[in-house]
Amino acid sequence: MAVVYATSDDYAAFTGQPAPEGIDAALARASERIDELLIGAVYDVDEQEMPTDPVKREAITRATCAQAAWSLALGDPYGVAAAFKDISIGSVRLGGRNTEGGSPRHAPDAARILHVAGLLPGYAFDTAAW
């Protein structure tokens, strides 16, 4: 079973805004993206697979919230919209960068939070942008 690293209360505290409808699903997807960034990271976990070190636990929770907020702000919870040049959702139309390698999957703030906490051995590169 996949670990979800943050709750709707964590999200509201991180963003300073009430958690939107559907936040539990967004946090579950964000946790999957955080797991991708944490490949190779070494830290002790409890029986729920959460870090036992409170600093690392807080960093992973904050990174998960940053990832969820980023995907929700983009209106792209599955990370597929950037694969298209122009996107319209209702009356909102976005145009711009279209990466040849696909859509970016990781929020820059999430990677920064994990890096500062010492959970990433170096810089996280989103290969879709290459």
Protein backbone atom coordinates (compact mmCIF):
# COMPACT_ATOMS: atom_id res chain seq x y z
CA MET A 1 0.00 0.00 0.00
CA ALA A 2 1.31 3.42 -0.92
CA VAL A 3 2.20 5.85 1.82
CA VAL A 4 0.50 9.26 1.79
CA TYR A 5 2.88 11.69 3.44
CA ALA A 6 0.48 14.57 4.18
CA THR A 7 -3.09 15.22 5.30
CA SER A 8 -5.58 17.89 4.31
CA ASP A 9 -4.71 19.68 7.58
CA ASP A 10 -1.02 19.62 6.62
CA TYR A 11 -1.92 21.06 3.22
CA ALA A 12 -4.00 23.86 4.76
CA ALA A 13 -1.19 24.72 7.18
CA PHE A 14 1.40 24.71 4.38
CA THR A 15 -0.58 26.84 1.94
CA GLY A 16 -2.43 29.02 4.45
CA GLN A 17 -5.63 28.22 2.56
CA PRO A 18 -8.45 25.77 3.22
CA ALA A 19 -7.82 22.42 1.58
CA PRO A 20 -9.78 22.18 -1.69
CA GLU A 21 -12.18 19.43 -2.61
CA GLY A 22 -10.30 16.38 -3.83
CA ILE A 23 -7.21 17.14 -1.76
CA ASP A 24 -6.85 13.57 -0.49
CA ALA A 25 -6.44 12.27 -4.04
CA ALA A 26 -4.04 15.11 -4.90
CA LEU A 27 -1.93 14.32 -1.83
CA ALA A 28 -1.85 10.63 -2.75
CA ARG A 29 -0.57 11.47 -6.25
CA ALA A 30 1.88 13.99 -4.78
CA SER A 31 3.20 11.30 -2.42
CA GLU A 32 3.92 9.11 -5.45
CA ARG A 33 5.94 11.93 -7.02
CA ILE A 34 7.83 12.43 -3.72
CA ASP A 35 8.61 8.71 -3.64
CA GLU A 36 10.22 9.13 -7.07
CA LEU A 37 12.46 11.89 -5.70
CA LEU A 38 13.34 9.86 -2.61
CA ILE A 39 14.70 6.86 -4.53
CA GLY A 40 18.05 6.16 -2.93
CA ALA A 41 17.41 8.30 0.16
CA VAL A 42 18.31 6.55 3.42
CA TYR A 43 16.36 7.23 6.61
CA ASP A 44 14.70 5.21 9.35
CA VAL A 45 10.94 4.65 9.14
CA ASP A 46 8.24 3.55 11.56
CA GLU A 47 5.65 0.82 10.98
CA GLN A 48 3.60 3.20 8.77
CA GLU A 49 6.68 3.83 6.58
CA MET A 50 6.94 7.42 7.85
CA PRO A 51 10.37 8.83 8.76
CA THR A 52 11.20 8.54 12.46
CA ASP A 53 13.38 11.67 12.40
CA PRO A 54 10.97 14.59 12.98
CA VAL A 55 12.99 16.95 10.76
CA LYS A 56 12.94 14.54 7.82
CA ARG A 57 9.28 13.71 8.44
CA GLU A 58 8.35 17.40 8.38
CA ALA A 59 10.37 17.95 5.20
CA ILE A 60 8.66 15.07 3.41
CA THR A 61 5.24 16.33 4.53
CA ARG A 62 6.02 19.87 3.35
CA ALA A 63 7.43 18.60 0.04
CA THR A 64 4.26 16.56 -0.50
CA CYS A 65 2.13 19.64 0.13
CA ALA A 66 4.30 21.68 -2.25
CA GLN A 67 3.94 19.00 -4.92
CA ALA A 68 0.15 18.87 -4.48
CA ALA A 69 -0.17 22.67 -4.52
CA TRP A 70 1.94 22.88 -7.67
CA SER A 71 -0.07 20.28 -9.57
CA LEU A 72 -3.35 21.84 -8.43
CA ALA A 73 -2.17 25.34 -9.41
CA LEU A 74 -1.28 24.00 -12.85
CA GLY A 75 -4.66 22.30 -13.07
CA ASP A 76 -2.76 19.18 -14.00
CA PRO A 77 -2.97 16.57 -11.23
CA TYR A 78 -1.65 13.80 -13.49
CA GLY A 79 1.26 15.74 -15.01
CA VAL A 80 0.09 15.42 -18.61
CA ALA A 81 -1.01 18.92 -19.63
CA ALA A 82 2.50 20.21 -20.34
CA ALA A 83 2.76 17.68 -23.14
CA PHE A 84 0.38 19.88 -25.14
CA LYS A 85 1.22 23.32 -26.54
CA ASP A 86 -2.10 25.01 -25.71
CA ILE A 87 -4.51 24.04 -22.94
CA SER A 88 -8.03 25.27 -22.29
CA ILE A 89 -10.03 24.54 -19.16
CA GLY A 90 -13.37 26.30 -19.19
CA SER A 91 -12.66 29.97 -19.84
CA VAL A 92 -8.97 29.62 -18.98
CA ARG A 93 -6.55 29.19 -21.85
CA LEU A 94 -2.85 28.55 -21.29
CA GLY A 95 -0.20 28.59 -23.97
CA GLY A 96 3.51 28.37 -23.83
CA ARG A 97 6.37 26.00 -23.40
CA ASN A 98 5.99 22.53 -24.77
CA THR A 99 8.82 20.26 -23.71
CA GLU A 100 9.76 17.60 -26.19
CA GLY A 101 10.42 15.04 -23.45
CA GLY A 102 6.98 15.23 -21.87
CA SER A 103 5.56 16.99 -18.88
CA PRO A 104 7.50 17.91 -15.74
CA ARG A 105 6.50 15.66 -12.86
CA HIS A 106 8.14 17.30 -9.86
CA ALA A 107 7.50 20.67 -8.23
CA PRO A 108 10.70 22.70 -7.91
CA ASP A 109 9.78 23.67 -4.33
CA ALA A 110 9.29 20.01 -3.37
CA ALA A 111 12.77 19.11 -4.62
CA ARG A 112 14.26 22.15 -2.85
CA ILE A 113 12.63 21.22 0.48
CA LEU A 114 13.95 17.66 0.26
CA HIS A 115 17.41 18.84 -0.79
CA VAL A 116 17.71 21.32 2.08
CA ALA A 117 16.64 18.59 4.55
CA GLY A 118 19.46 16.37 3.28
CA LEU A 119 17.13 13.81 1.73
CA LEU A 120 18.40 14.26 -1.81
CA PRO A 121 22.03 13.44 -2.49
CA GLY A 122 22.30 16.19 -5.09
CA TYR A 123 20.00 18.16 -7.28
CA ALA A 124 16.83 16.60 -8.64
CA PHE A 125 16.52 17.01 -12.37
CA ASP A 126 13.22 16.58 -14.11
CA THR A 127 14.33 14.72 -17.20
CA ALA A 128 11.18 15.74 -19.07
CA ALA A 129 12.65 19.22 -19.45
CA TRP A 130 15.79 17.86 -21.10
